[in-house]
Amino acid sequence: MLRIVVIGYGEMFTNLIAGALDANCDIVGVFRGDMIRYNPLIRKFKDIINPSRDYNYIKSYNLKEISAKSVNSKEFKNALLKLNPDIVLVGSWAEKFSKEIYDIPKIATINAHPSLLPKYRGPNPYYWVIKNGEQTSGVSFHLVDGDYDTGAILAQEEIKIYPSDTGRTLKERTVLAARGVVCELLKDLSEDIIIPLTQIEEKATYYSHPCDFELDFGTKTAEENYAVIRAIYPWSEAYFYHNDVCLSALVHGSEVLENNTKYTTPNTIAGVNHKNKTVDIVCADGKILRIRAEHYKKYDRPFTRNYLKREIKIGHIL
């Protein structure tokens, strides 16, 4: 029976735990993101008053937690040496592992990355693949080495991206796929030798943290703008400006429409419905992007309908 340590946070972390349990592995320790995100006293208080899903999941299986300030700390190294794992699984983690840490497991330290490596290395591929109009994404399990997402690949599974996908729905399907893939991978590793496949650097792409979600109706198509709205949900919201007022573009209620109006100039407001809080805007390809709009500032949102009725004029150019 393989001895496993699981490191991470969020849905990928819990699905790796589930996959390891499905494979009948012995999870000898877990290290969750809250351990490095919060001061120990604050974390203990939070675990009592407002426990995270990760904490509740860990406790439901009575798993042993590792306490340390970093994966590269002396405390964590000593804990790993004591637990003597065959494999360390990593799912969603920002720190780069030092060699003396990722070399401790008898077999390997393995990271789950939510893309088809070597494409879309880096944080939040869910956002980037939707924004860039990709038809497929995936999940990759690779050896941890001295850099981010560059290690040799052990297993992959392709995941179809649907036109209606948001960052949330794609992530939900990806982490669920990761559970099945890691289960099979651990079974294979316990029974046979897997030859890692070196990533082809010429095909590699890297994307950093998403940072600019302002819609561009003048140079981008309706589909491209809609992709930004879908891609960033649920982590943030895309936005646009009407005069000096910033309006959020919500994913639910937004859609691409054929342009059956007389307005053809990009950035033109071709329709408004204050009751449904939608604004129709002509994009660079001549199509309409219907946006479910809200004031960007949360405390102004109750006044959105009044603003749309009073200020948004059909035919006005943004």
Protein backbone atom coordinates (compact mmCIF):
# COMPACT_ATOMS: atom_id res chain seq x y z
CA MET A 1 0.00 0.00 0.00
CA LEU A 2 1.46 3.34 -1.08
CA ARG A 3 2.08 5.93 1.62
CA ILE A 4 0.85 9.32 0.39
CA VAL A 5 1.17 12.92 1.57
CA VAL A 6 -1.20 15.41 -0.08
CA ILE A 7 -0.44 19.13 -0.29
CA GLY A 8 -2.73 21.88 -1.56
CA TYR A 9 -5.97 23.76 -1.12
CA GLY A 10 -9.42 23.98 -2.64
CA GLU A 11 -11.19 21.54 -4.92
CA MET A 12 -8.05 20.11 -6.51
CA PHE A 13 -6.62 19.33 -3.06
CA THR A 14 -9.75 17.52 -1.85
CA ASN A 15 -10.14 15.59 -5.11
CA LEU A 16 -6.55 14.38 -4.89
CA ILE A 17 -7.30 13.11 -1.40
CA ALA A 18 -10.43 11.40 -2.73
CA GLY A 19 -8.50 9.85 -5.63
CA ALA A 20 -5.79 8.53 -3.33
CA LEU A 21 -8.44 6.98 -1.09
CA ASP A 22 -10.16 5.49 -4.15
CA ALA A 23 -6.82 3.83 -4.99
CA ASN A 24 -6.69 2.34 -1.47
CA CYS A 25 -3.57 4.29 -0.58
CA ASP A 26 -2.56 5.17 2.95
CA ILE A 27 -2.70 8.95 3.34
CA VAL A 28 -0.15 9.48 6.10
CA GLY A 29 -0.32 13.28 6.12
CA VAL A 30 -1.88 16.37 4.55
CA PHE A 31 -0.69 19.97 4.36
CA ARG A 32 -3.39 22.52 3.54
CA GLY A 33 -3.00 26.09 2.33
CA ASP A 34 -4.45 27.56 5.52
CA MET A 35 -1.29 26.45 7.31
CA ILE A 36 0.80 29.07 5.51
CA ARG A 37 -1.99 31.57 4.80
CA TYR A 38 -2.84 32.38 8.41
CA ASN A 39 -1.03 33.01 11.66
CA PRO A 40 -1.30 29.83 13.79
CA LEU A 41 -3.51 31.47 16.44
CA ILE A 42 -5.80 33.03 13.82
CA ARG A 43 -6.00 29.71 11.96
CA LYS A 44 -6.96 27.79 15.09
CA PHE A 45 -9.64 30.36 15.88
CA LYS A 46 -10.91 30.21 12.30
CA ASP A 47 -11.01 26.40 12.37
CA ILE A 48 -13.37 26.64 15.33
CA ILE A 49 -15.54 29.60 14.31
CA ASN A 50 -15.53 29.38 10.51
CA PRO A 51 -13.77 26.21 9.32
CA SER A 52 -12.85 25.96 5.64
CA ARG A 53 -14.07 23.20 3.36
CA ASP A 54 -10.54 21.83 3.31
CA TYR A 55 -10.49 21.59 7.10
CA ASN A 56 -13.90 19.91 7.26
CA TYR A 57 -12.90 17.46 4.53
CA ILE A 58 -9.68 16.53 6.29
CA LYS A 59 -11.44 16.04 9.61
CA SER A 60 -14.19 13.93 8.03
CA TYR A 61 -11.51 11.36 7.10
CA ASN A 62 -9.52 11.87 10.31
CA LEU A 63 -6.35 12.63 8.38
CA LYS A 64 -3.13 13.68 10.07
CA GLU A 65 -2.26 17.34 9.45
CA ILE A 66 1.29 18.60 9.02
CA SER A 67 1.99 21.91 10.78
CA ALA A 68 4.64 24.12 9.17
CA LYS A 69 5.08 27.64 7.82
CA SER A 70 6.21 26.55 4.34
CA VAL A 71 6.85 23.43 2.26
CA ASN A 72 10.49 24.46 2.29
CA SER A 73 10.70 24.93 6.07
CA LYS A 74 12.71 22.79 8.46
CA GLU A 75 9.46 21.73 10.20
CA PHE A 76 7.97 20.43 6.98
CA LYS A 77 11.16 18.62 5.99
CA ASN A 78 11.33 16.88 9.35
CA ALA A 79 7.65 15.95 9.13
CA LEU A 80 8.15 14.37 5.69
CA LEU A 81 11.21 12.44 6.83
CA LYS A 82 9.24 11.08 9.77
CA LEU A 83 6.19 10.16 7.66
CA ASN A 84 8.44 8.48 5.05
CA PRO A 85 5.97 8.78 2.11
CA ASP A 86 6.27 6.96 -1.18
CA ILE A 87 4.61 9.83 -3.02
CA VAL A 88 3.81 13.48 -2.31
CA LEU A 89 0.81 14.76 -4.30
CA VAL A 90 0.45 18.49 -4.91
CA GLY A 91 -2.77 20.18 -5.99
CA SER A 92 -2.88 24.01 -6.16
CA TRP A 93 0.22 25.43 -4.51
CA ALA A 94 2.06 28.70 -5.13
CA GLU A 95 5.42 27.89 -3.55
CA LYS A 96 8.29 26.49 -5.58
CA PHE A 97 9.59 23.30 -3.95
CA SER A 98 13.26 23.07 -3.10
CA LYS A 99 15.15 20.00 -4.32
CA GLU A 100 15.78 18.74 -0.80
CA ILE A 101 12.01 18.62 -0.29
CA TYR A 102 10.77 17.16 -3.57
CA ASP A 103 13.48 14.48 -3.45
CA ILE A 104 12.34 13.09 -0.06
CA PRO A 105 9.53 10.73 -1.23
CA LYS A 106 10.71 7.25 -2.23
CA ILE A 107 9.01 7.41 -5.63
CA ALA A 108 8.29 11.06 -6.50
CA THR A 109 6.67 14.38 -5.75
CA ILE A 110 3.85 14.75 -8.29
CA ASN A 111 1.92 17.91 -9.16
CA ALA A 112 -1.58 18.10 -10.67
CA HIS A 113 -1.80 20.96 -13.16
CA PRO A 114 -5.14 21.89 -14.79
CA SER A 115 -4.03 22.10 -18.40
CA LEU A 116 -2.57 19.90 -21.13
CA LEU A 117 1.08 20.60 -20.45
CA PRO A 118 3.34 21.95 -21.79
CA LYS A 119 0.61 24.42 -22.85
CA TYR A 120 -0.74 26.86 -20.30
CA ARG A 121 1.83 26.58 -17.60
CA GLY A 122 1.28 29.01 -14.72
CA PRO A 123 -1.62 30.04 -12.48
CA ASN A 124 -5.32 29.73 -13.36
CA PRO A 125 -5.30 28.02 -16.77
CA TYR A 126 -9.11 27.80 -16.41
CA TYR A 127 -9.29 31.51 -17.18
CA TRP A 128 -6.76 31.58 -19.99
CA VAL A 129 -8.05 28.64 -22.03
CA ILE A 130 -11.58 30.10 -22.11
CA LYS A 131 -10.38 33.64 -22.81
CA ASN A 132 -8.20 32.40 -25.67
CA GLY A 133 -11.06 30.45 -27.25
CA GLU A 134 -9.55 26.99 -26.83
CA GLN A 135 -11.74 23.99 -27.64
CA THR A 136 -10.05 21.66 -25.15
CA SER A 137 -8.17 21.81 -21.89
CA GLY A 138 -7.16 19.03 -19.53
CA VAL A 139 -5.32 17.92 -16.43
CA SER A 140 -1.68 16.80 -16.27
CA PHE A 141 0.19 14.93 -13.55
CA HIS A 142 3.92 15.64 -13.72
CA LEU A 143 7.05 15.24 -11.66
CA VAL A 144 7.96 18.26 -9.55
CA ASP A 145 11.34 19.69 -10.47
CA GLY A 146 13.10 23.00 -9.90
CA ASP A 147 10.63 25.15 -11.84
CA TYR A 148 6.88 25.67 -12.21
CA ASP A 149 4.96 23.06 -14.25
CA THR A 150 8.02 21.89 -16.21
CA GLY A 151 8.55 18.35 -14.92
CA ALA A 152 8.14 15.19 -16.97
CA ILE A 153 4.54 14.06 -17.49
CA LEU A 154 3.16 10.88 -15.93
CA ALA A 155 -0.50 11.08 -16.96
CA GLN A 156 -2.91 13.39 -18.78
CA GLU A 157 -6.59 13.60 -19.64
CA GLU A 158 -8.20 15.91 -22.17
CA ILE A 159 -11.31 17.90 -21.22
CA LYS A 160 -13.68 19.48 -23.72
CA ILE A 161 -14.48 23.18 -23.32
CA TYR A 162 -18.12 24.03 -24.06
CA PRO A 163 -19.30 27.41 -25.44
CA SER A 164 -21.22 27.98 -22.22
CA ASP A 165 -18.34 27.12 -19.90
CA THR A 166 -17.24 29.52 -17.19
CA GLY A 167 -14.08 29.33 -15.14
CA ARG A 168 -16.16 27.66 -12.44
CA THR A 169 -17.76 24.94 -14.58
CA LEU A 170 -14.47 24.10 -16.29
CA LYS A 171 -12.71 23.88 -12.94
CA GLU A 172 -15.45 21.62 -11.55
CA ARG A 173 -15.04 19.15 -14.41
CA THR A 174 -11.24 19.36 -14.30
CA VAL A 175 -10.83 18.55 -10.61
CA LEU A 176 -13.34 15.71 -10.94
CA ALA A 177 -11.29 14.32 -13.84
CA ALA A 178 -8.15 14.71 -11.70
CA ARG A 179 -9.68 12.43 -9.08
CA GLY A 180 -10.09 9.63 -11.60
CA VAL A 181 -6.70 10.17 -13.22
CA VAL A 182 -4.77 10.19 -9.95
CA CYS A 183 -6.58 7.05 -8.80
CA GLU A 184 -5.44 5.17 -11.90
CA LEU A 185 -1.97 6.69 -11.74
CA LEU A 186 -1.44 5.58 -8.13
CA LYS A 187 -2.67 2.08 -8.94
CA ASP A 188 -0.23 1.91 -11.85
CA LEU A 189 2.65 3.21 -9.75
CA SER A 190 2.01 0.57 -7.10
CA GLU A 191 2.04 -2.23 -9.66
CA ASP A 192 4.37 -1.17 -12.46
CA ILE A 193 7.01 1.28 -13.63
CA ILE A 194 5.82 4.37 -15.52
CA ILE A 195 8.23 6.09 -17.88
CA PRO A 196 7.84 9.89 -17.56
CA LEU A 197 7.55 11.85 -20.80
CA THR A 198 9.76 14.93 -21.01
CA GLN A 199 7.83 18.08 -21.91
CA ILE A 200 8.62 19.57 -25.32
CA GLU A 201 9.81 23.09 -24.58
CA GLU A 202 9.11 24.31 -28.12
CA LYS A 203 5.40 23.74 -27.48
CA ALA A 204 5.37 25.32 -24.03
CA THR A 205 3.31 28.40 -23.16
CA TYR A 206 3.17 30.26 -19.86
CA TYR A 207 0.50 32.64 -18.58
CA SER A 208 0.73 34.69 -15.39
CA HIS A 209 -2.09 35.75 -13.07
CA PRO A 210 -5.05 37.33 -14.90
CA CYS A 211 -5.15 41.05 -14.19
CA ASP A 212 -7.11 43.12 -16.75
CA PHE A 213 -10.79 42.39 -17.25
CA GLU A 214 -11.94 45.56 -19.00
CA LEU A 215 -14.06 44.75 -22.05
CA ASP A 216 -12.99 46.14 -25.42
CA PHE A 217 -15.89 46.59 -27.83
CA GLY A 218 -13.87 48.64 -30.31
CA THR A 219 -11.28 46.02 -31.31
CA LYS A 220 -12.60 42.72 -29.91
CA THR A 221 -15.44 40.60 -31.22
CA ALA A 222 -18.57 39.88 -29.23
CA GLU A 223 -17.37 36.32 -28.65
CA GLU A 224 -13.97 37.50 -27.42
CA ASN A 225 -15.55 39.88 -24.93
CA TYR A 226 -18.06 37.26 -23.82
CA ALA A 227 -15.17 34.83 -23.28
CA VAL A 228 -13.59 37.25 -20.79
CA ILE A 229 -16.90 37.50 -18.89
CA ARG A 230 -17.18 33.71 -18.70
CA ALA A 231 -13.50 33.03 -18.04
CA ILE A 232 -13.07 35.20 -14.96
CA TYR A 233 -16.17 33.90 -13.18
CA PRO A 234 -16.31 33.22 -10.22
CA TRP A 235 -13.04 34.88 -9.15
CA SER A 236 -13.83 38.37 -10.34
CA GLU A 237 -16.00 40.29 -12.81
CA ALA A 238 -15.34 41.82 -16.21
CA TYR A 239 -16.27 45.49 -16.50
CA PHE A 240 -16.76 48.45 -18.85
CA TYR A 241 -17.19 52.18 -18.48
CA HIS A 242 -20.19 54.34 -19.29
CA ASN A 243 -18.92 57.89 -19.06
CA ASP A 244 -16.99 57.74 -15.77
CA VAL A 245 -19.16 55.04 -14.19
CA CYS A 246 -17.74 51.53 -13.97
CA LEU A 247 -20.26 48.75 -14.64
CA SER A 248 -19.73 45.05 -14.02
CA ALA A 249 -20.60 42.48 -16.70
CA LEU A 250 -22.22 39.51 -15.01
CA VAL A 251 -21.98 36.09 -16.60
CA HIS A 252 -25.60 35.08 -15.95
CA GLY A 253 -27.81 37.00 -18.36
CA SER A 254 -25.03 38.00 -20.77
CA GLU A 255 -25.00 36.56 -24.31
CA VAL A 256 -23.91 37.13 -27.91
CA LEU A 257 -26.64 38.14 -30.38
CA GLU A 258 -26.90 38.77 -34.10
CA ASN A 259 -27.22 42.46 -34.86
CA ASN A 260 -30.70 43.21 -36.15
CA THR A 261 -30.52 46.88 -35.27
CA LYS A 262 -29.59 49.91 -37.39
CA TYR A 263 -26.44 50.46 -35.35
CA THR A 264 -23.20 49.09 -36.79
CA THR A 265 -20.46 51.22 -35.23
CA PRO A 266 -18.48 49.41 -32.51
CA ASN A 267 -19.01 50.74 -28.97
CA THR A 268 -22.56 51.85 -29.79
CA ILE A 269 -25.35 51.13 -27.31
CA ALA A 270 -27.95 49.34 -29.44
CA GLY A 271 -30.42 48.49 -26.69
CA VAL A 272 -31.15 48.71 -22.99
CA ASN A 273 -33.61 46.98 -20.66
CA HIS A 274 -33.48 48.49 -17.21
CA LYS A 275 -35.89 45.93 -15.76
CA ASN A 276 -33.61 43.02 -16.76
CA LYS A 277 -30.52 45.22 -16.23
CA THR A 278 -29.15 44.45 -19.70
CA VAL A 279 -27.25 46.67 -22.12
CA ASP A 280 -26.71 45.72 -25.79
CA ILE A 281 -23.40 46.92 -27.23
CA VAL A 282 -22.10 46.63 -30.79
CA CYS A 283 -18.70 44.94 -30.93
CA ALA A 284 -15.88 45.03 -33.49
CA ASP A 285 -17.37 42.20 -35.58
CA GLY A 286 -20.73 43.93 -35.82
CA LYS A 287 -22.44 41.50 -33.46
CA ILE A 288 -24.23 42.49 -30.27
CA LEU A 289 -23.00 41.61 -26.81
CA ARG A 290 -25.91 41.73 -24.40
CA ILE A 291 -24.49 42.39 -20.96
CA ARG A 292 -26.23 41.87 -17.65
CA ALA A 293 -24.90 44.99 -15.96
CA GLU A 294 -24.50 46.00 -12.35
CA HIS A 295 -22.70 48.87 -10.69
CA TYR A 296 -19.14 47.71 -10.04
CA LYS A 297 -19.26 49.04 -6.49
CA LYS A 298 -21.31 46.61 -4.43
CA TYR A 299 -23.05 49.27 -2.35
CA ASP A 300 -24.28 51.03 -5.52
CA ARG A 301 -25.88 47.90 -6.98
CA PRO A 302 -29.40 48.56 -5.64
CA PHE A 303 -29.40 51.68 -7.85
CA THR A 304 -28.41 49.93 -11.09
CA ARG A 305 -31.89 49.79 -12.64
CA ASN A 306 -32.44 53.48 -11.98
CA TYR A 307 -29.06 54.31 -13.50
CA LEU A 308 -29.71 52.28 -16.66
CA LYS A 309 -33.17 53.86 -17.09
CA ARG A 310 -31.93 57.40 -16.49
CA GLU A 311 -28.45 57.46 -18.04
CA ILE A 312 -28.10 54.76 -20.73
CA LYS A 313 -29.28 56.06 -24.11
CA ILE A 314 -29.70 53.95 -27.24
CA GLY A 315 -27.41 55.20 -30.00
CA HIS A 316 -24.88 56.63 -27.56
CA ILE A 317 -21.25 55.63 -28.23
CA LEU A 318 -19.24 54.56 -25.20
